[in-house]
Amino acid sequence: MRTKSGVMLGLGETPEEVIETMEDLVNVQVDVLTLGQYLQPTSKHLPVKEFITPAQFAYYKELGLKMGFKYVESGPLVRSSYHAEKHLF
């Protein structure tokens, strides 16, 4: 069974923190990583601090694959179930 983790970006994290989190996840044998843009659902929720660029999402995907993740889905509209069928055995 594959292990999967999803991370929402745009809440004020630094690129170094994202990379450190990715390293932690690969070190505990997470196979599938999804990285998406946090979008504030209502005014009662935390506001978006930053919109991540498509180039930054592409960089995280490339880096994640080099780190050893089997699959990395990375983009502004990616959610934890994004293309889930592709990640099955």
PDB file of N, CA and C in Angstrom:
ATOM      1  N   MET A   1       0.836  -1.184   0.000  1.00  0.00           N
ATOM      2  CA  MET A   1       0.000   0.000   0.000  1.00  0.00           C
ATOM      3  C   MET A   1       0.879   1.246   0.000  1.00  0.00           C
ATOM      4  N   ARG A   2       0.535   2.191  -0.814  1.00  0.00           N
ATOM      5  CA  ARG A   2       1.297   3.434  -0.881  1.00  0.00           C
ATOM      6  C   ARG A   2       0.865   4.362   0.252  1.00  0.00           C
ATOM      7  N   THR A   3       1.829   5.116   0.766  1.00  0.00           N
ATOM      8  CA  THR A   3       1.510   6.134   1.756  1.00  0.00           C
ATOM      9  C   THR A   3       1.506   7.477   1.057  1.00  0.00           C
ATOM     10  N   LYS A   4       0.589   8.332   1.471  1.00  0.00           N
ATOM     11  CA  LYS A   4       0.358   9.587   0.777  1.00  0.00           C
ATOM     12  C   LYS A   4       0.260  10.727   1.774  1.00  0.00           C
ATOM     13  N   SER A   5       0.746  11.888   1.373  1.00  0.00           N
ATOM     14  CA  SER A   5       0.628  13.073   2.204  1.00  0.00           C
ATOM     15  C   SER A   5       0.326  14.271   1.323  1.00  0.00           C
ATOM     16  N   GLY A   6      -0.501  15.163   1.828  1.00  0.00           N
ATOM     17  CA  GLY A   6      -0.830  16.388   1.114  1.00  0.00           C
ATOM     18  C   GLY A   6      -0.383  17.608   1.899  1.00  0.00           C
ATOM     19  N   VAL A   7       0.122  18.602   1.185  1.00  0.00           N
ATOM     20  CA  VAL A   7       0.604  19.831   1.810  1.00  0.00           C
ATOM     21  C   VAL A   7      -0.017  21.016   1.079  1.00  0.00           C
ATOM     22  N   MET A   8      -0.602  21.929   1.832  1.00  0.00           N
ATOM     23  CA  MET A   8      -1.136  23.158   1.267  1.00  0.00           C
ATOM     24  C   MET A   8      -0.112  24.282   1.480  1.00  0.00           C
ATOM     25  N   LEU A   9       0.156  25.015   0.426  1.00  0.00           N
ATOM     26  CA  LEU A   9       1.145  26.092   0.469  1.00  0.00           C
ATOM     27  C   LEU A   9       0.461  27.449   0.359  1.00  0.00           C
ATOM     28  N   GLY A  10       1.150  28.474   0.828  1.00  0.00           N
ATOM     29  CA  GLY A  10       0.631  29.835   0.730  1.00  0.00           C
ATOM     30  C   GLY A  10       0.205  30.413   2.058  1.00  0.00           C
ATOM     31  N   LEU A  11       0.628  29.770   3.154  1.00  0.00           N
ATOM     32  CA  LEU A  11       0.273  30.243   4.495  1.00  0.00           C
ATOM     33  C   LEU A  11       1.431  30.942   5.201  1.00  0.00           C
ATOM     34  N   GLY A  12       2.453  31.300   4.433  1.00  0.00           N
ATOM     35  CA  GLY A  12       3.584  32.013   5.014  1.00  0.00           C
ATOM     36  C   GLY A  12       4.825  31.174   5.210  1.00  0.00           C
ATOM     37  N   GLU A  13       4.798  29.936   4.734  1.00  0.00           N
ATOM     38  CA  GLU A  13       5.965  29.065   4.867  1.00  0.00           C
ATOM     39  C   GLU A  13       7.077  29.539   3.917  1.00  0.00           C
ATOM     40  N   THR A  14       8.302  29.247   4.293  1.00  0.00           N
ATOM     41  CA  THR A  14       9.434  29.583   3.433  1.00  0.00           C
ATOM     42  C   THR A  14       9.752  28.393   2.532  1.00  0.00           C
ATOM     43  N   PRO A  15      10.426  28.618   1.402  1.00  0.00           N
ATOM     44  CA  PRO A  15      10.852  27.482   0.581  1.00  0.00           C
ATOM     45  C   PRO A  15      11.687  26.477   1.375  1.00  0.00           C
ATOM     46  N   GLU A  16      12.505  26.955   2.276  1.00  0.00           N
ATOM     47  CA  GLU A  16      13.338  26.061   3.102  1.00  0.00           C
ATOM     48  C   GLU A  16      12.461  25.166   3.979  1.00  0.00           C
ATOM     49  N   GLU A  17      11.372  25.722   4.507  1.00  0.00           N
ATOM     50  CA  GLU A  17      10.464  24.920   5.330  1.00  0.00           C
ATOM     51  C   GLU A  17       9.736  23.873   4.491  1.00  0.00           C
ATOM     52  N   VAL A  18       9.366  24.232   3.275  1.00  0.00           N
ATOM     53  CA  VAL A  18       8.713  23.269   2.384  1.00  0.00           C
ATOM     54  C   VAL A  18       9.669  22.115   2.083  1.00  0.00           C
ATOM     55  N   ILE A  19      10.905  22.446   1.755  1.00  0.00           N
ATOM     56  CA  ILE A  19      11.901  21.414   1.437  1.00  0.00           C
ATOM     57  C   ILE A  19      12.183  20.536   2.653  1.00  0.00           C
ATOM     58  N   GLU A  20      12.291  21.143   3.824  1.00  0.00           N
ATOM     59  CA  GLU A  20      12.514  20.366   5.050  1.00  0.00           C
ATOM     60  C   GLU A  20      11.349  19.409   5.303  1.00  0.00           C
ATOM     61  N   THR A  21      10.129  19.875   5.078  1.00  0.00           N
ATOM     62  CA  THR A  21       8.956  19.014   5.242  1.00  0.00           C
ATOM     63  C   THR A  21       8.983  17.865   4.243  1.00  0.00           C
ATOM     64  N   MET A  22       9.344  18.177   2.996  1.00  0.00           N
ATOM     65  CA  MET A  22       9.455  17.125   1.977  1.00  0.00           C
ATOM     66  C   MET A  22      10.505  16.093   2.384  1.00  0.00           C
ATOM     67  N   GLU A  23      11.643  16.529   2.899  1.00  0.00           N
ATOM     68  CA  GLU A  23      12.689  15.610   3.360  1.00  0.00           C
ATOM     69  C   GLU A  23      12.169  14.730   4.491  1.00  0.00           C
ATOM     70  N   ASP A  24      11.449  15.334   5.438  1.00  0.00           N
ATOM     71  CA  ASP A  24      10.888  14.565   6.550  1.00  0.00           C
ATOM     72  C   ASP A  24       9.921  13.497   6.044  1.00  0.00           C
ATOM     73  N   LEU A  25       9.082  13.867   5.089  1.00  0.00           N
ATOM     74  CA  LEU A  25       8.095  12.924   4.568  1.00  0.00           C
ATOM     75  C   LEU A  25       8.741  11.772   3.813  1.00  0.00           C
ATOM     76  N   VAL A  26       9.729  12.065   2.991  1.00  0.00           N
ATOM     77  CA  VAL A  26      10.392  10.986   2.251  1.00  0.00           C
ATOM     78  C   VAL A  26      11.175  10.088   3.219  1.00  0.00           C
ATOM     79  N   ASN A  27      11.682  10.663   4.298  1.00  0.00           N
ATOM     80  CA  ASN A  27      12.434   9.878   5.281  1.00  0.00           C
ATOM     81  C   ASN A  27      11.556   8.920   6.081  1.00  0.00           C
ATOM     82  N   VAL A  28      10.252   9.195   6.155  1.00  0.00           N
ATOM     83  CA  VAL A  28       9.334   8.263   6.823  1.00  0.00           C
ATOM     84  C   VAL A  28       8.571   7.433   5.789  1.00  0.00           C
ATOM     85  N   GLN A  29       9.125   7.374   4.587  1.00  0.00           N
ATOM     86  CA  GLN A  29       8.677   6.494   3.513  1.00  0.00           C
ATOM     87  C   GLN A  29       7.298   6.840   2.944  1.00  0.00           C
ATOM     88  N   VAL A  30       6.995   8.130   2.868  1.00  0.00           N
ATOM     89  CA  VAL A  30       5.806   8.559   2.132  1.00  0.00           C
ATOM     90  C   VAL A  30       6.136   8.404   0.653  1.00  0.00           C
ATOM     91  N   ASP A  31       5.226   7.778  -0.110  1.00  0.00           N
ATOM     92  CA  ASP A  31       5.449   7.516  -1.535  1.00  0.00           C
ATOM     93  C   ASP A  31       4.870   8.582  -2.448  1.00  0.00           C
ATOM     94  N   VAL A  32       3.718   9.128  -2.057  1.00  0.00           N
ATOM     95  CA  VAL A  32       2.967  10.048  -2.904  1.00  0.00           C
ATOM     96  C   VAL A  32       2.814  11.377  -2.171  1.00  0.00           C
ATOM     97  N   LEU A  33       3.200  12.448  -2.838  1.00  0.00           N
ATOM     98  CA  LEU A  33       3.126  13.785  -2.249  1.00  0.00           C
ATOM     99  C   LEU A  33       2.272  14.673  -3.138  1.00  0.00           C
ATOM    100  N   THR A  34       1.312  15.364  -2.522  1.00  0.00           N
ATOM    101  CA  THR A  34       0.555  16.374  -3.246  1.00  0.00           C
ATOM    102  C   THR A  34       0.839  17.730  -2.628  1.00  0.00           C
ATOM    103  N   LEU A  35       1.106  18.698  -3.481  1.00  0.00           N
ATOM    104  CA  LEU A  35       1.367  20.077  -3.057  1.00  0.00           C
ATOM    105  C   LEU A  35       0.378  20.977  -3.775  1.00  0.00           C
ATOM    106  N   GLY A  36      -0.411  21.725  -3.026  1.00  0.00           N
ATOM    107  CA  GLY A  36      -1.417  22.595  -3.624  1.00  0.00           C
ATOM    108  C   GLY A  36      -1.437  23.963  -2.970  1.00  0.00           C
ATOM    109  N   GLN A  37      -2.149  24.875  -3.595  1.00  0.00           N
ATOM    110  CA  GLN A  37      -2.297  26.230  -3.088  1.00  0.00           C
ATOM    111  C   GLN A  37      -3.427  26.273  -2.070  1.00  0.00           C
ATOM    112  N   TYR A  38      -3.138  26.805  -0.889  1.00  0.00           N
ATOM    113  CA  TYR A  38      -4.202  27.041   0.092  1.00  0.00           C
ATOM    114  C   TYR A  38      -5.085  28.163  -0.433  1.00  0.00           C
ATOM    115  N   LEU A  39      -6.381  27.957  -0.377  1.00  0.00           N
ATOM    116  CA  LEU A  39      -7.354  28.980  -0.760  1.00  0.00           C
ATOM    117  C   LEU A  39      -8.289  29.199   0.423  1.00  0.00           C
ATOM    118  N   GLN A  40      -8.427  30.426   0.852  1.00  0.00           N
ATOM    119  CA  GLN A  40      -9.243  30.760   2.021  1.00  0.00           C
ATOM    120  C   GLN A  40     -10.714  30.468   1.722  1.00  0.00           C
ATOM    121  N   PRO A  41     -11.324  29.487   2.416  1.00  0.00           N
ATOM    122  CA  PRO A  41     -12.701  29.114   2.094  1.00  0.00           C
ATOM    123  C   PRO A  41     -13.736  30.176   2.489  1.00  0.00           C
ATOM    124  N   THR A  42     -13.519  30.821   3.617  1.00  0.00           N
ATOM    125  CA  THR A  42     -14.424  31.891   4.069  1.00  0.00           C
ATOM    126  C   THR A  42     -13.593  32.937   4.793  1.00  0.00           C
ATOM    127  N   SER A  43     -14.190  34.069   5.076  1.00  0.00           N
ATOM    128  CA  SER A  43     -13.473  35.136   5.794  1.00  0.00           C
ATOM    129  C   SER A  43     -13.144  34.746   7.230  1.00  0.00           C
ATOM    130  N   LYS A  44     -13.732  33.670   7.725  1.00  0.00           N
ATOM    131  CA  LYS A  44     -13.447  33.199   9.088  1.00  0.00           C
ATOM    132  C   LYS A  44     -12.206  32.314   9.148  1.00  0.00           C
ATOM    133  N   HIS A  45     -11.682  31.923   7.994  1.00  0.00           N
ATOM    134  CA  HIS A  45     -10.497  31.075   7.928  1.00  0.00           C
ATOM    135  C   HIS A  45      -9.243  31.927   7.737  1.00  0.00           C
ATOM    136  N   LEU A  46      -8.097  31.292   7.929  1.00  0.00           N
ATOM    137  CA  LEU A  46      -6.829  31.990   7.736  1.00  0.00           C
ATOM    138  C   LEU A  46      -6.742  32.567   6.329  1.00  0.00           C
ATOM    139  N   PRO A  47      -6.194  33.776   6.202  1.00  0.00           N
ATOM    140  CA  PRO A  47      -6.039  34.365   4.870  1.00  0.00           C
ATOM    141  C   PRO A  47      -4.838  33.767   4.135  1.00  0.00           C
ATOM    142  N   VAL A  48      -4.886  33.846   2.817  1.00  0.00           N
ATOM    143  CA  VAL A  48      -3.748  33.448   1.991  1.00  0.00           C
ATOM    144  C   VAL A  48      -2.650  34.486   2.197  1.00  0.00           C
ATOM    145  N   LYS A  49      -1.447  34.028   2.494  1.00  0.00           N
ATOM    146  CA  LYS A  49      -0.306  34.934   2.653  1.00  0.00           C
ATOM    147  C   LYS A  49       0.421  35.155   1.338  1.00  0.00           C
ATOM    148  N   GLU A  50       0.406  34.120   0.468  1.00  0.00           N
ATOM    149  CA  GLU A  50       1.159  34.188  -0.779  1.00  0.00           C
ATOM    150  C   GLU A  50       0.561  33.217  -1.787  1.00  0.00           C
ATOM    151  N   PHE A  51       0.536  33.620  -3.050  1.00  0.00           N
ATOM    152  CA  PHE A  51       0.165  32.709  -4.117  1.00  0.00           C
ATOM    153  C   PHE A  51       1.449  32.165  -4.727  1.00  0.00           C
ATOM    154  N   ILE A  52       1.581  30.857  -4.724  1.00  0.00           N
ATOM    155  CA  ILE A  52       2.781  30.176  -5.213  1.00  0.00           C
ATOM    156  C   ILE A  52       2.747  30.189  -6.742  1.00  0.00           C
ATOM    157  N   THR A  53       3.883  30.468  -7.357  1.00  0.00           N
ATOM    158  CA  THR A  53       3.952  30.551  -8.813  1.00  0.00           C
ATOM    159  C   THR A  53       3.972  29.149  -9.435  1.00  0.00           C
ATOM    160  N   PRO A  54       3.527  29.038 -10.682  1.00  0.00           N
ATOM    161  CA  PRO A  54       3.627  27.748 -11.376  1.00  0.00           C
ATOM    162  C   PRO A  54       5.070  27.237 -11.437  1.00  0.00           C
ATOM    163  N   ALA A  55       6.026  28.142 -11.602  1.00  0.00           N
ATOM    164  CA  ALA A  55       7.439  27.725 -11.638  1.00  0.00           C
ATOM    165  C   ALA A  55       7.865  27.117 -10.303  1.00  0.00           C
ATOM    166  N   GLN A  56       7.406  27.678  -9.196  1.00  0.00           N
ATOM    167  CA  GLN A  56       7.763  27.138  -7.884  1.00  0.00           C
ATOM    168  C   GLN A  56       7.133  25.768  -7.682  1.00  0.00           C
ATOM    169  N   PHE A  57       5.875  25.599  -8.102  1.00  0.00           N
ATOM    170  CA  PHE A  57       5.246  24.277  -8.014  1.00  0.00           C
ATOM    171  C   PHE A  57       6.019  23.262  -8.853  1.00  0.00           C
ATOM    172  N   ALA A  58       6.441  23.659 -10.047  1.00  0.00           N
ATOM    173  CA  ALA A  58       7.212  22.752 -10.920  1.00  0.00           C
ATOM    174  C   ALA A  58       8.540  22.381 -10.271  1.00  0.00           C
ATOM    175  N   TYR A  59       9.179  23.345  -9.628  1.00  0.00           N
ATOM    176  CA  TYR A  59      10.446  23.087  -8.933  1.00  0.00           C
ATOM    177  C   TYR A  59      10.242  22.063  -7.813  1.00  0.00           C
ATOM    178  N   TYR A  60       9.189  22.244  -7.009  1.00  0.00           N
ATOM    179  CA  TYR A  60       8.932  21.305  -5.919  1.00  0.00           C
ATOM    180  C   TYR A  60       8.658  19.902  -6.453  1.00  0.00           C
ATOM    181  N   LYS A  61       7.953  19.804  -7.578  1.00  0.00           N
ATOM    182  CA  LYS A  61       7.682  18.482  -8.169  1.00  0.00           C
ATOM    183  C   LYS A  61       8.985  17.817  -8.589  1.00  0.00           C
ATOM    184  N   GLU A  62       9.823  18.535  -9.316  1.00  0.00           N
ATOM    185  CA  GLU A  62      11.105  17.991  -9.773  1.00  0.00           C
ATOM    186  C   GLU A  62      11.967  17.579  -8.582  1.00  0.00           C
ATOM    187  N   LEU A  63      12.039  18.429  -7.583  1.00  0.00           N
ATOM    188  CA  LEU A  63      12.839  18.134  -6.394  1.00  0.00           C
ATOM    189  C   LEU A  63      12.297  16.905  -5.665  1.00  0.00           C
ATOM    190  N   GLY A  64      10.978  16.828  -5.524  1.00  0.00           N
ATOM    191  CA  GLY A  64      10.383  15.693  -4.833  1.00  0.00           C
ATOM    192  C   GLY A  64      10.686  14.371  -5.516  1.00  0.00           C
ATOM    193  N   LEU A  65      10.631  14.360  -6.834  1.00  0.00           N
ATOM    194  CA  LEU A  65      10.955  13.132  -7.564  1.00  0.00           C
ATOM    195  C   LEU A  65      12.426  12.765  -7.377  1.00  0.00           C
ATOM    196  N   LYS A  66      13.305  13.761  -7.375  1.00  0.00           N
ATOM    197  CA  LYS A  66      14.733  13.504  -7.135  1.00  0.00           C
ATOM    198  C   LYS A  66      14.979  12.997  -5.722  1.00  0.00           C
ATOM    199  N   MET A  67      14.157  13.438  -4.768  1.00  0.00           N
ATOM    200  CA  MET A  67      14.297  12.999  -3.371  1.00  0.00           C
ATOM    201  C   MET A  67      13.890  11.543  -3.189  1.00  0.00           C
ATOM    202  N   GLY A  68      13.044  11.038  -4.097  1.00  0.00           N
ATOM    203  CA  GLY A  68      12.648   9.644  -3.985  1.00  0.00           C
ATOM    204  C   GLY A  68      11.160   9.381  -3.881  1.00  0.00           C
ATOM    205  N   PHE A  69      10.321  10.423  -3.928  1.00  0.00           N
ATOM    206  CA  PHE A  69       8.884  10.169  -3.964  1.00  0.00           C
ATOM    207  C   PHE A  69       8.552   9.432  -5.256  1.00  0.00           C
ATOM    208  N   LYS A  70       7.617   8.497  -5.195  1.00  0.00           N
ATOM    209  CA  LYS A  70       7.198   7.758  -6.396  1.00  0.00           C
ATOM    210  C   LYS A  70       6.357   8.651  -7.313  1.00  0.00           C
ATOM    211  N   TYR A  71       5.502   9.459  -6.708  1.00  0.00           N
ATOM    212  CA  TYR A  71       4.645  10.386  -7.443  1.00  0.00           C
ATOM    213  C   TYR A  71       4.616  11.716  -6.704  1.00  0.00           C
ATOM    214  N   VAL A  72       4.626  12.800  -7.452  1.00  0.00           N
ATOM    215  CA  VAL A  72       4.443  14.128  -6.887  1.00  0.00           C
ATOM    216  C   VAL A  72       3.459  14.867  -7.790  1.00  0.00           C
ATOM    217  N   GLU A  73       2.347  15.297  -7.216  1.00  0.00           N
ATOM    218  CA  GLU A  73       1.398  16.161  -7.914  1.00  0.00           C
ATOM    219  C   GLU A  73       1.568  17.531  -7.271  1.00  0.00           C
ATOM    220  N   SER A  74       1.880  18.537  -8.073  1.00  0.00           N
ATOM    221  CA  SER A  74       2.215  19.848  -7.538  1.00  0.00           C
ATOM    222  C   SER A  74       1.649  20.938  -8.438  1.00  0.00           C
ATOM    223  N   GLY A  75       0.712  21.708  -7.914  1.00  0.00           N
ATOM    224  CA  GLY A  75       0.110  22.779  -8.692  1.00  0.00           C
ATOM    225  C   GLY A  75      -0.932  23.507  -7.870  1.00  0.00           C
ATOM    226  N   PRO A  76      -1.366  24.668  -8.339  1.00  0.00           N
ATOM    227  CA  PRO A  76      -2.272  25.502  -7.547  1.00  0.00           C
ATOM    228  C   PRO A  76      -3.613  24.856  -7.223  1.00  0.00           C
ATOM    229  N   LEU A  77      -4.122  23.996  -8.076  1.00  0.00           N
ATOM    230  CA  LEU A  77      -5.431  23.380  -7.824  1.00  0.00           C
ATOM    231  C   LEU A  77      -5.340  21.930  -7.368  1.00  0.00           C
ATOM    232  N   VAL A  78      -4.147  21.466  -7.059  1.00  0.00           N
ATOM    233  CA  VAL A  78      -3.948  20.088  -6.595  1.00  0.00           C
ATOM    234  C   VAL A  78      -4.477  19.951  -5.169  1.00  0.00           C
ATOM    235  N   ARG A  79      -5.199  18.867  -4.939  1.00  0.00           N
ATOM    236  CA  ARG A  79      -5.690  18.513  -3.614  1.00  0.00           C
ATOM    237  C   ARG A  79      -5.259  17.080  -3.327  1.00  0.00           C
ATOM    238  N   SER A  80      -5.449  16.621  -2.112  1.00  0.00           N
ATOM    239  CA  SER A  80      -4.903  15.313  -1.716  1.00  0.00           C
ATOM    240  C   SER A  80      -5.469  14.161  -2.547  1.00  0.00           C
ATOM    241  N   SER A  81      -6.650  14.310  -3.103  1.00  0.00           N
ATOM    242  CA  SER A  81      -7.222  13.234  -3.918  1.00  0.00           C
ATOM    243  C   SER A  81      -6.906  13.411  -5.406  1.00  0.00           C
ATOM    244  N   TYR A  82      -6.126  14.412  -5.767  1.00  0.00           N
ATOM    245  CA  TYR A  82      -5.837  14.741  -7.158  1.00  0.00           C
ATOM    246  C   TYR A  82      -5.230  13.548  -7.889  1.00  0.00           C
ATOM    247  N   HIS A  83      -5.886  13.086  -8.947  1.00  0.00           N
ATOM    248  CA  HIS A  83      -5.428  11.946  -9.756  1.00  0.00           C
ATOM    249  C   HIS A  83      -5.107  10.727  -8.898  1.00  0.00           C
ATOM    250  N   ALA A  84      -5.892  10.505  -7.878  1.00  0.00           N
ATOM    251  CA  ALA A  84      -5.621   9.402  -6.941  1.00  0.00           C
ATOM    252  C   ALA A  84      -5.524   8.058  -7.649  1.00  0.00           C
ATOM    253  N   GLU A  85      -6.293   7.882  -8.723  1.00  0.00           N
ATOM    254  CA  GLU A  85      -6.273   6.598  -9.435  1.00  0.00           C
ATOM    255  C   GLU A  85      -4.916   6.285 -10.029  1.00  0.00           C
ATOM    256  N   LYS A  86      -4.087   7.287 -10.317  1.00  0.00           N
ATOM    257  CA  LYS A  86      -2.764   7.059 -10.892  1.00  0.00           C
ATOM    258  C   LYS A  86      -1.788   6.481  -9.870  1.00  0.00           C
ATOM    259  N   HIS A  87      -2.100   6.614  -8.604  1.00  0.00           N
ATOM    260  CA  HIS A  87      -1.150   6.249  -7.566  1.00  0.00           C
ATOM    261  C   HIS A  87      -1.414   4.877  -6.970  1.00  0.00           C
ATOM    262  N   LEU A  88      -2.358   4.148  -7.547  1.00  0.00           N
ATOM    263  CA  LEU A  88      -2.658   2.790  -7.073  1.00  0.00           C
ATOM    264  C   LEU A  88      -1.677   1.811  -7.693  1.00  0.00           C
ATOM    265  N   PHE A  89      -1.521   0.659  -7.073  1.00  0.00           N
ATOM    266  CA  PHE A  89      -0.664  -0.383  -7.628  1.00  0.00           C
ATOM    267  C   PHE A  89      -1.232  -0.864  -8.927  1.00  0.00           C
TER     268      PHE A  89
END
